[in-house]
Amino acid sequence: AAFKDLAMQLLGQLFEYELERRGQELNILGATSGD
């Protein structure tokens, strides 16, 4: 229920796609003020 979903949903797909291509894993480090 926040505008952040519009970017994050695609970012998740891009991450999975690129990590699969490279055979790698990723540890996301982020900060949030709310959404």
PDB file of all heavy atoms in Angstrom:
ATOM      1  N   ALA A   1       0.812  -1.228   0.000  1.00  0.00           N
ATOM      2  CA  ALA A   1       0.000   0.000   0.000  1.00  0.00           C
ATOM      3  C   ALA A   1       0.837   1.266   0.000  1.00  0.00           C
ATOM      4  O   ALA A   1       0.454   2.272   0.604  1.00  0.00           O
ATOM      5  CB  ALA A   1      -0.966  -0.002   1.191  1.00  0.00           C
ATOM      6  N   ALA A   2       1.980   1.243  -0.668  1.00  0.00           N
ATOM      7  CA  ALA A   2       2.836   2.426  -0.772  1.00  0.00           C
ATOM      8  C   ALA A   2       3.444   2.493  -2.158  1.00  0.00           C
ATOM      9  O   ALA A   2       3.605   1.477  -2.842  1.00  0.00           O
ATOM     10  CB  ALA A   2       3.943   2.401   0.278  1.00  0.00           C
ATOM     11  N   PHE A   3       3.814   3.705  -2.582  1.00  0.00           N
ATOM     12  CA  PHE A   3       4.353   3.880  -3.930  1.00  0.00           C
ATOM     13  C   PHE A   3       5.652   3.121  -4.136  1.00  0.00           C
ATOM     14  O   PHE A   3       6.038   2.816  -5.264  1.00  0.00           O
ATOM     15  CB  PHE A   3       4.540   5.368  -4.237  1.00  0.00           C
ATOM     16  CG  PHE A   3       5.781   5.993  -3.654  1.00  0.00           C
ATOM     17  CD1 PHE A   3       6.955   6.103  -4.398  1.00  0.00           C
ATOM     18  CD2 PHE A   3       5.787   6.494  -2.361  1.00  0.00           C
ATOM     19  CE1 PHE A   3       8.094   6.687  -3.869  1.00  0.00           C
ATOM     20  CE2 PHE A   3       6.912   7.088  -1.828  1.00  0.00           C
ATOM     21  CZ  PHE A   3       8.077   7.182  -2.577  1.00  0.00           C
ATOM     22  N   LYS A   4       6.333   2.781  -3.050  1.00  0.00           N
ATOM     23  CA  LYS A   4       7.609   2.058  -3.164  1.00  0.00           C
ATOM     24  C   LYS A   4       7.447   0.707  -3.858  1.00  0.00           C
ATOM     25  O   LYS A   4       8.389   0.184  -4.443  1.00  0.00           O
ATOM     26  CB  LYS A   4       8.223   1.854  -1.783  1.00  0.00           C
ATOM     27  CG  LYS A   4       8.363   3.115  -0.931  1.00  0.00           C
ATOM     28  CD  LYS A   4       9.403   4.063  -1.454  1.00  0.00           C
ATOM     29  CE  LYS A   4       9.503   5.336  -0.617  1.00  0.00           C
ATOM     30  NZ  LYS A   4      10.171   5.168   0.663  1.00  0.00           N
ATOM     31  N   ASP A   5       6.235   0.129  -3.790  1.00  0.00           N
ATOM     32  CA  ASP A   5       6.006  -1.179  -4.425  1.00  0.00           C
ATOM     33  C   ASP A   5       6.275  -1.136  -5.926  1.00  0.00           C
ATOM     34  O   ASP A   5       6.708  -2.134  -6.515  1.00  0.00           O
ATOM     35  CB  ASP A   5       4.562  -1.638  -4.201  1.00  0.00           C
ATOM     36  CG  ASP A   5       4.288  -2.058  -2.769  1.00  0.00           C
ATOM     37  OD1 ASP A   5       5.166  -2.663  -2.140  1.00  0.00           O
ATOM     38  OD2 ASP A   5       3.177  -1.763  -2.282  1.00  0.00           O
ATOM     39  N   LEU A   6       5.998   0.004  -6.553  1.00  0.00           N
ATOM     40  CA  LEU A   6       6.142   0.084  -8.008  1.00  0.00           C
ATOM     41  C   LEU A   6       7.585  -0.122  -8.445  1.00  0.00           C
ATOM     42  O   LEU A   6       7.844  -0.653  -9.530  1.00  0.00           O
ATOM     43  CB  LEU A   6       5.614   1.424  -8.510  1.00  0.00           C
ATOM     44  CG  LEU A   6       4.090   1.504  -8.583  1.00  0.00           C
ATOM     45  CD1 LEU A   6       3.628   2.945  -8.629  1.00  0.00           C
ATOM     46  CD2 LEU A   6       3.580   0.731  -9.791  1.00  0.00           C
ATOM     47  N   ALA A   7       8.531   0.293  -7.633  1.00  0.00           N
ATOM     48  CA  ALA A   7       9.937   0.049  -7.961  1.00  0.00           C
ATOM     49  C   ALA A   7      10.411  -1.282  -7.396  1.00  0.00           C
ATOM     50  O   ALA A   7      11.133  -2.036  -8.062  1.00  0.00           O
ATOM     51  CB  ALA A   7      10.799   1.182  -7.422  1.00  0.00           C
ATOM     52  N   MET A   8      10.021  -1.586  -6.166  1.00  0.00           N
ATOM     53  CA  MET A   8      10.560  -2.771  -5.491  1.00  0.00           C
ATOM     54  C   MET A   8      10.155  -4.072  -6.161  1.00  0.00           C
ATOM     55  O   MET A   8      10.944  -5.027  -6.212  1.00  0.00           O
ATOM     56  CB  MET A   8      10.100  -2.780  -4.034  1.00  0.00           C
ATOM     57  CG  MET A   8      10.750  -1.736  -3.170  1.00  0.00           C
ATOM     58  SD  MET A   8      12.552  -1.934  -3.043  1.00  0.00           S
ATOM     59  CE  MET A   8      12.885  -0.632  -1.854  1.00  0.00           C
ATOM     60  N   GLN A   9       8.928  -4.142  -6.669  1.00  0.00           N
ATOM     61  CA  GLN A   9       8.497  -5.387  -7.313  1.00  0.00           C
ATOM     62  C   GLN A   9       9.368  -5.707  -8.523  1.00  0.00           C
ATOM     63  O   GLN A   9       9.741  -6.850  -8.750  1.00  0.00           O
ATOM     64  CB  GLN A   9       7.023  -5.297  -7.699  1.00  0.00           C
ATOM     65  CG  GLN A   9       6.079  -5.396  -6.515  1.00  0.00           C
ATOM     66  CD  GLN A   9       6.164  -6.731  -5.807  1.00  0.00           C
ATOM     67  OE1 GLN A   9       6.220  -7.798  -6.437  1.00  0.00           O
ATOM     68  NE2 GLN A   9       6.170  -6.702  -4.481  1.00  0.00           N
ATOM     69  N   LEU A  10       9.710  -4.682  -9.293  1.00  0.00           N
ATOM     70  CA  LEU A  10      10.591  -4.927 -10.435  1.00  0.00           C
ATOM     71  C   LEU A  10      12.014  -5.192  -9.971  1.00  0.00           C
ATOM     72  O   LEU A  10      12.702  -6.056 -10.521  1.00  0.00           O
ATOM     73  CB  LEU A  10      10.564  -3.743 -11.396  1.00  0.00           C
ATOM     74  CG  LEU A  10      11.446  -3.892 -12.648  1.00  0.00           C
ATOM     75  CD1 LEU A  10      11.074  -5.152 -13.431  1.00  0.00           C
ATOM     76  CD2 LEU A  10      11.366  -2.665 -13.534  1.00  0.00           C
ATOM     77  N   LEU A  11      12.459  -4.477  -8.948  1.00  0.00           N
ATOM     78  CA  LEU A  11      13.821  -4.684  -8.456  1.00  0.00           C
ATOM     79  C   LEU A  11      14.018  -6.112  -7.976  1.00  0.00           C
ATOM     80  O   LEU A  11      15.066  -6.733  -8.232  1.00  0.00           O
ATOM     81  CB  LEU A  11      14.106  -3.695  -7.319  1.00  0.00           C
ATOM     82  CG  LEU A  11      15.567  -3.572  -6.865  1.00  0.00           C
ATOM     83  CD1 LEU A  11      16.466  -3.122  -8.001  1.00  0.00           C
ATOM     84  CD2 LEU A  11      15.672  -2.590  -5.695  1.00  0.00           C
ATOM     85  N   GLY A  12      13.022  -6.673  -7.284  1.00  0.00           N
ATOM     86  CA  GLY A  12      13.123  -8.061  -6.853  1.00  0.00           C
ATOM     87  C   GLY A  12      13.276  -9.018  -8.026  1.00  0.00           C
ATOM     88  O   GLY A  12      14.099  -9.956  -7.991  1.00  0.00           O
ATOM     89  N   GLN A  13      12.510  -8.777  -9.084  1.00  0.00           N
ATOM     90  CA  GLN A  13      12.624  -9.633 -10.270  1.00  0.00           C
ATOM     91  C   GLN A  13      13.989  -9.487 -10.938  1.00  0.00           C
ATOM     92  O   GLN A  13      14.590 -10.469 -11.380  1.00  0.00           O
ATOM     93  CB  GLN A  13      11.513  -9.271 -11.259  1.00  0.00           C
ATOM     94  CG  GLN A  13      10.107  -9.559 -10.770  1.00  0.00           C
ATOM     95  CD  GLN A  13       9.850 -11.032 -10.533  1.00  0.00           C
ATOM     96  OE1 GLN A  13      10.403 -11.895 -11.217  1.00  0.00           O
ATOM     97  NE2 GLN A  13       9.013 -11.338  -9.559  1.00  0.00           N
ATOM     98  N   LEU A  14      14.482  -8.255 -11.012  1.00  0.00           N
ATOM     99  CA  LEU A  14      15.797  -8.021 -11.615  1.00  0.00           C
ATOM    100  C   LEU A  14      16.906  -8.681 -10.802  1.00  0.00           C
ATOM    101  O   LEU A  14      17.837  -9.276 -11.364  1.00  0.00           O
ATOM    102  CB  LEU A  14      16.056  -6.528 -11.742  1.00  0.00           C
ATOM    103  CG  LEU A  14      15.269  -5.790 -12.825  1.00  0.00           C
ATOM    104  CD1 LEU A  14      15.343  -4.286 -12.611  1.00  0.00           C
ATOM    105  CD2 LEU A  14      15.803  -6.155 -14.217  1.00  0.00           C
ATOM    106  N   PHE A  15      16.829  -8.567  -9.479  1.00  0.00           N
ATOM    107  CA  PHE A  15      17.820  -9.213  -8.616  1.00  0.00           C
ATOM    108  C   PHE A  15      17.849 -10.719  -8.863  1.00  0.00           C
ATOM    109  O   PHE A  15      18.912 -11.313  -9.068  1.00  0.00           O
ATOM    110  CB  PHE A  15      17.499  -8.961  -7.143  1.00  0.00           C
ATOM    111  CG  PHE A  15      17.978  -7.637  -6.615  1.00  0.00           C
ATOM    112  CD1 PHE A  15      17.407  -7.093  -5.474  1.00  0.00           C
ATOM    113  CD2 PHE A  15      18.992  -6.925  -7.227  1.00  0.00           C
ATOM    114  CE1 PHE A  15      17.841  -5.883  -4.960  1.00  0.00           C
ATOM    115  CE2 PHE A  15      19.429  -5.706  -6.732  1.00  0.00           C
ATOM    116  CZ  PHE A  15      18.851  -5.188  -5.592  1.00  0.00           C
ATOM    117  N   GLU A  16      16.692 -11.343  -8.809  1.00  0.00           N
ATOM    118  CA  GLU A  16      16.633 -12.799  -8.965  1.00  0.00           C
ATOM    119  C   GLU A  16      17.184 -13.218 -10.335  1.00  0.00           C
ATOM    120  O   GLU A  16      17.944 -14.187 -10.443  1.00  0.00           O
ATOM    121  CB  GLU A  16      15.191 -13.282  -8.802  1.00  0.00           C
ATOM    122  CG  GLU A  16      15.046 -14.792  -8.830  1.00  0.00           C
ATOM    123  CD  GLU A  16      13.634 -15.232  -8.525  1.00  0.00           C
ATOM    124  OE1 GLU A  16      12.688 -14.612  -9.066  1.00  0.00           O
ATOM    125  OE2 GLU A  16      13.468 -16.199  -7.768  1.00  0.00           O
ATOM    126  N   TYR A  17      16.814 -12.476 -11.355  1.00  0.00           N
ATOM    127  CA  TYR A  17      17.275 -12.780 -12.715  1.00  0.00           C
ATOM    128  C   TYR A  17      18.787 -12.682 -12.821  1.00  0.00           C
ATOM    129  O   TYR A  17      19.464 -13.599 -13.327  1.00  0.00           O
ATOM    130  CB  TYR A  17      16.610 -11.806 -13.690  1.00  0.00           C
ATOM    131  CG  TYR A  17      17.103 -11.889 -15.116  1.00  0.00           C
ATOM    132  CD1 TYR A  17      16.595 -12.836 -15.999  1.00  0.00           C
ATOM    133  CD2 TYR A  17      18.068 -11.000 -15.585  1.00  0.00           C
ATOM    134  CE1 TYR A  17      17.037 -12.907 -17.312  1.00  0.00           C
ATOM    135  CE2 TYR A  17      18.513 -11.054 -16.902  1.00  0.00           C
ATOM    136  CZ  TYR A  17      18.003 -12.012 -17.756  1.00  0.00           C
ATOM    137  OH  TYR A  17      18.451 -12.066 -19.060  1.00  0.00           O
ATOM    138  N   GLU A  18      19.367 -11.583 -12.339  1.00  0.00           N
ATOM    139  CA  GLU A  18      20.800 -11.369 -12.496  1.00  0.00           C
ATOM    140  C   GLU A  18      21.611 -12.302 -11.600  1.00  0.00           C
ATOM    141  O   GLU A  18      22.668 -12.802 -12.004  1.00  0.00           O
ATOM    142  CB  GLU A  18      21.157  -9.911 -12.199  1.00  0.00           C
ATOM    143  CG  GLU A  18      22.590  -9.533 -12.540  1.00  0.00           C
ATOM    144  CD  GLU A  18      22.944  -9.736 -14.005  1.00  0.00           C
ATOM    145  OE1 GLU A  18      22.041  -9.643 -14.861  1.00  0.00           O
ATOM    146  OE2 GLU A  18      24.137  -9.994 -14.280  1.00  0.00           O
ATOM    147  N   LEU A  19      21.136 -12.559 -10.399  1.00  0.00           N
ATOM    148  CA  LEU A  19      21.850 -13.481  -9.508  1.00  0.00           C
ATOM    149  C   LEU A  19      21.840 -14.892 -10.072  1.00  0.00           C
ATOM    150  O   LEU A  19      22.827 -15.625  -9.955  1.00  0.00           O
ATOM    151  CB  LEU A  19      21.216 -13.457  -8.119  1.00  0.00           C
ATOM    152  CG  LEU A  19      21.407 -12.150  -7.333  1.00  0.00           C
ATOM    153  CD1 LEU A  19      20.523 -12.136  -6.091  1.00  0.00           C
ATOM    154  CD2 LEU A  19      22.881 -11.966  -6.946  1.00  0.00           C
ATOM    155  N   GLU A  20      20.739 -15.279 -10.680  1.00  0.00           N
ATOM    156  CA  GLU A  20      20.672 -16.601 -11.318  1.00  0.00           C
ATOM    157  C   GLU A  20      21.648 -16.669 -12.481  1.00  0.00           C
ATOM    158  O   GLU A  20      22.344 -17.686 -12.665  1.00  0.00           O
ATOM    159  CB  GLU A  20      19.233 -16.852 -11.806  1.00  0.00           C
ATOM    160  CG  GLU A  20      19.008 -18.235 -12.409  1.00  0.00           C
ATOM    161  CD  GLU A  20      19.097 -19.349 -11.392  1.00  0.00           C
ATOM    162  OE1 GLU A  20      18.759 -19.118 -10.209  1.00  0.00           O
ATOM    163  OE2 GLU A  20      19.528 -20.461 -11.772  1.00  0.00           O
ATOM    164  N   ARG A  21      21.732 -15.605 -13.271  1.00  0.00           N
ATOM    165  CA  ARG A  21      22.684 -15.585 -14.396  1.00  0.00           C
ATOM    166  C   ARG A  21      24.112 -15.743 -13.912  1.00  0.00           C
ATOM    167  O   ARG A  21      24.933 -16.378 -14.572  1.00  0.00           O
ATOM    168  CB  ARG A  21      22.560 -14.265 -15.171  1.00  0.00           C
ATOM    169  CG  ARG A  21      21.374 -14.157 -16.072  1.00  0.00           C
ATOM    170  CD  ARG A  21      21.602 -13.238 -17.258  1.00  0.00           C
ATOM    171  NE  ARG A  21      21.904 -11.851 -16.933  1.00  0.00           N
ATOM    172  CZ  ARG A  21      22.023 -10.894 -17.852  1.00  0.00           C
ATOM    173  NH1 ARG A  21      21.866 -11.191 -19.137  1.00  0.00           N
ATOM    174  NH2 ARG A  21      22.285  -9.648 -17.492  1.00  0.00           N
ATOM    175  N   ARG A  22      24.409 -15.166 -12.746  1.00  0.00           N
ATOM    176  CA  ARG A  22      25.787 -15.159 -12.241  1.00  0.00           C
ATOM    177  C   ARG A  22      26.074 -16.282 -11.250  1.00  0.00           C
ATOM    178  O   ARG A  22      27.228 -16.468 -10.859  1.00  0.00           O
ATOM    179  CB  ARG A  22      26.080 -13.812 -11.571  1.00  0.00           C
ATOM    180  CG  ARG A  22      25.971 -12.624 -12.512  1.00  0.00           C
ATOM    181  CD  ARG A  22      26.278 -11.326 -11.818  1.00  0.00           C
ATOM    182  NE  ARG A  22      26.148 -10.190 -12.742  1.00  0.00           N
ATOM    183  CZ  ARG A  22      26.940  -9.134 -12.737  1.00  0.00           C
ATOM    184  NH1 ARG A  22      27.931  -9.037 -11.870  1.00  0.00           N
ATOM    185  NH2 ARG A  22      26.750  -8.148 -13.604  1.00  0.00           N
ATOM    186  N   GLY A  23      25.031 -16.991 -10.828  1.00  0.00           N
ATOM    187  CA  GLY A  23      25.227 -18.028  -9.824  1.00  0.00           C
ATOM    188  C   GLY A  23      25.670 -17.457  -8.488  1.00  0.00           C
ATOM    189  O   GLY A  23      26.480 -18.064  -7.778  1.00  0.00           O
ATOM    190  N   GLN A  24      25.142 -16.281  -8.110  1.00  0.00           N
ATOM    191  CA  GLN A  24      25.557 -15.589  -6.894  1.00  0.00           C
ATOM    192  C   GLN A  24      24.382 -15.400  -5.942  1.00  0.00           C
ATOM    193  O   GLN A  24      23.227 -15.616  -6.300  1.00  0.00           O
ATOM    194  CB  GLN A  24      26.147 -14.223  -7.245  1.00  0.00           C
ATOM    195  CG  GLN A  24      27.412 -14.273  -8.081  1.00  0.00           C
ATOM    196  CD  GLN A  24      27.902 -12.889  -8.475  1.00  0.00           C
ATOM    197  OE1 GLN A  24      27.285 -11.868  -8.139  1.00  0.00           O
ATOM    198  NE2 GLN A  24      29.001 -12.832  -9.195  1.00  0.00           N
ATOM    199  N   GLU A  25      24.711 -14.985  -4.717  1.00  0.00           N
ATOM    200  CA  GLU A  25      23.717 -14.581  -3.734  1.00  0.00           C
ATOM    201  C   GLU A  25      23.979 -13.132  -3.347  1.00  0.00           C
ATOM    202  O   GLU A  25      25.072 -12.612  -3.571  1.00  0.00           O
ATOM    203  CB  GLU A  25      23.766 -15.486  -2.502  1.00  0.00           C
ATOM    204  CG  GLU A  25      23.381 -16.928  -2.806  1.00  0.00           C
ATOM    205  CD  GLU A  25      23.340 -17.794  -1.561  1.00  0.00           C
ATOM    206  OE1 GLU A  25      23.757 -17.312  -0.479  1.00  0.00           O
ATOM    207  OE2 GLU A  25      22.904 -18.960  -1.672  1.00  0.00           O
ATOM    208  N   LEU A  26      22.972 -12.482  -2.755  1.00  0.00           N
ATOM    209  CA  LEU A  26      23.085 -11.074  -2.412  1.00  0.00           C
ATOM    210  C   LEU A  26      22.466 -10.829  -1.046  1.00  0.00           C
ATOM    211  O   LEU A  26      21.401 -11.368  -0.724  1.00  0.00           O
ATOM    212  CB  LEU A  26      22.350 -10.229  -3.463  1.00  0.00           C
ATOM    213  CG  LEU A  26      22.533  -8.704  -3.395  1.00  0.00           C
ATOM    214  CD1 LEU A  26      23.975  -8.328  -3.745  1.00  0.00           C
ATOM    215  CD2 LEU A  26      21.573  -8.010  -4.351  1.00  0.00           C
ATOM    216  N   ASN A  27      23.153 -10.020  -0.242  1.00  0.00           N
ATOM    217  CA  ASN A  27      22.631  -9.595   1.055  1.00  0.00           C
ATOM    218  C   ASN A  27      22.281  -8.116   0.966  1.00  0.00           C
ATOM    219  O   ASN A  27      23.167  -7.271   0.846  1.00  0.00           O
ATOM    220  CB  ASN A  27      23.664  -9.842   2.149  1.00  0.00           C
ATOM    221  CG  ASN A  27      23.923 -11.316   2.356  1.00  0.00           C
ATOM    222  OD1 ASN A  27      23.022 -12.061   2.721  1.00  0.00           O
ATOM    223  ND2 ASN A  27      25.143 -11.752   2.096  1.00  0.00           N
ATOM    224  N   ILE A  28      20.993  -7.843   0.981  1.00  0.00           N
ATOM    225  CA  ILE A  28      20.515  -6.470   0.870  1.00  0.00           C
ATOM    226  C   ILE A  28      20.671  -5.771   2.218  1.00  0.00           C
ATOM    227  O   ILE A  28      20.247  -6.288   3.254  1.00  0.00           O
ATOM    228  CB  ILE A  28      19.035  -6.439   0.462  1.00  0.00           C
ATOM    229  CG1 ILE A  28      18.839  -7.085  -0.916  1.00  0.00           C
ATOM    230  CG2 ILE A  28      18.500  -5.025   0.474  1.00  0.00           C
ATOM    231  CD1 ILE A  28      19.561  -6.391  -2.019  1.00  0.00           C
ATOM    232  N   LEU A  29      21.274  -4.588   2.206  1.00  0.00           N
ATOM    233  CA  LEU A  29      21.346  -3.757   3.396  1.00  0.00           C
ATOM    234  C   LEU A  29      20.627  -2.456   3.086  1.00  0.00           C
ATOM    235  O   LEU A  29      21.019  -1.725   2.168  1.00  0.00           O
ATOM    236  CB  LEU A  29      22.803  -3.483   3.779  1.00  0.00           C
ATOM    237  CG  LEU A  29      23.022  -2.568   4.995  1.00  0.00           C
ATOM    238  CD1 LEU A  29      22.378  -3.158   6.244  1.00  0.00           C
ATOM    239  CD2 LEU A  29      24.510  -2.323   5.217  1.00  0.00           C
ATOM    240  N   GLY A  30      19.557  -2.171   3.842  1.00  0.00           N
ATOM    241  CA  GLY A  30      18.765  -0.984   3.562  1.00  0.00           C
ATOM    242  C   GLY A  30      18.335  -0.276   4.824  1.00  0.00           C
ATOM    243  O   GLY A  30      18.491  -0.793   5.939  1.00  0.00           O
ATOM    244  N   ALA A  31      17.792   0.916   4.643  1.00  0.00           N
ATOM    245  CA  ALA A  31      17.246   1.708   5.739  1.00  0.00           C
ATOM    246  C   ALA A  31      15.890   2.240   5.311  1.00  0.00           C
ATOM    247  O   ALA A  31      15.667   2.517   4.131  1.00  0.00           O
ATOM    248  CB  ALA A  31      18.183   2.869   6.093  1.00  0.00           C
ATOM    249  N   THR A  32      14.992   2.389   6.262  1.00  0.00           N
ATOM    250  CA  THR A  32      13.658   2.862   5.928  1.00  0.00           C
ATOM    251  C   THR A  32      13.159   3.852   6.961  1.00  0.00           C
ATOM    252  O   THR A  32      13.428   3.713   8.148  1.00  0.00           O
ATOM    253  CB  THR A  32      12.663   1.690   5.810  1.00  0.00           C
ATOM    254  OG1 THR A  32      11.391   2.191   5.398  1.00  0.00           O
ATOM    255  CG2 THR A  32      12.497   0.946   7.127  1.00  0.00           C
ATOM    256  N   SER A  33      12.433   4.858   6.481  1.00  0.00           N
ATOM    257  CA  SER A  33      11.752   5.783   7.375  1.00  0.00           C
ATOM    258  C   SER A  33      10.281   5.425   7.482  1.00  0.00           C
ATOM    259  O   SER A  33       9.514   6.119   8.139  1.00  0.00           O
ATOM    260  CB  SER A  33      11.909   7.221   6.870  1.00  0.00           C
ATOM    261  OG  SER A  33      11.400   7.334   5.553  1.00  0.00           O
ATOM    262  N   GLY A  34       9.878   4.358   6.803  1.00  0.00           N
ATOM    263  CA  GLY A  34       8.471   3.958   6.891  1.00  0.00           C
ATOM    264  C   GLY A  34       8.046   2.928   5.872  1.00  0.00           C
ATOM    265  O   GLY A  34       7.645   1.825   6.220  1.00  0.00           O
ATOM    266  N   ASP A  35       8.161   3.235   4.572  1.00  0.00           N
ATOM    267  CA  ASP A  35       7.560   2.385   3.551  1.00  0.00           C
ATOM    268  C   ASP A  35       8.553   1.594   2.713  1.00  0.00           C
ATOM    269  O   ASP A  35       8.216   0.539   2.173  1.00  0.00           O
ATOM    270  CB  ASP A  35       6.686   3.232   2.627  1.00  0.00           C
ATOM    271  CG  ASP A  35       5.488   3.826   3.355  1.00  0.00           C
ATOM    272  OD1 ASP A  35       4.953   3.147   4.239  1.00  0.00           O
ATOM    273  OD2 ASP A  35       5.115   4.973   3.050  1.00  0.00           O
TER     274      ASP A  35
END
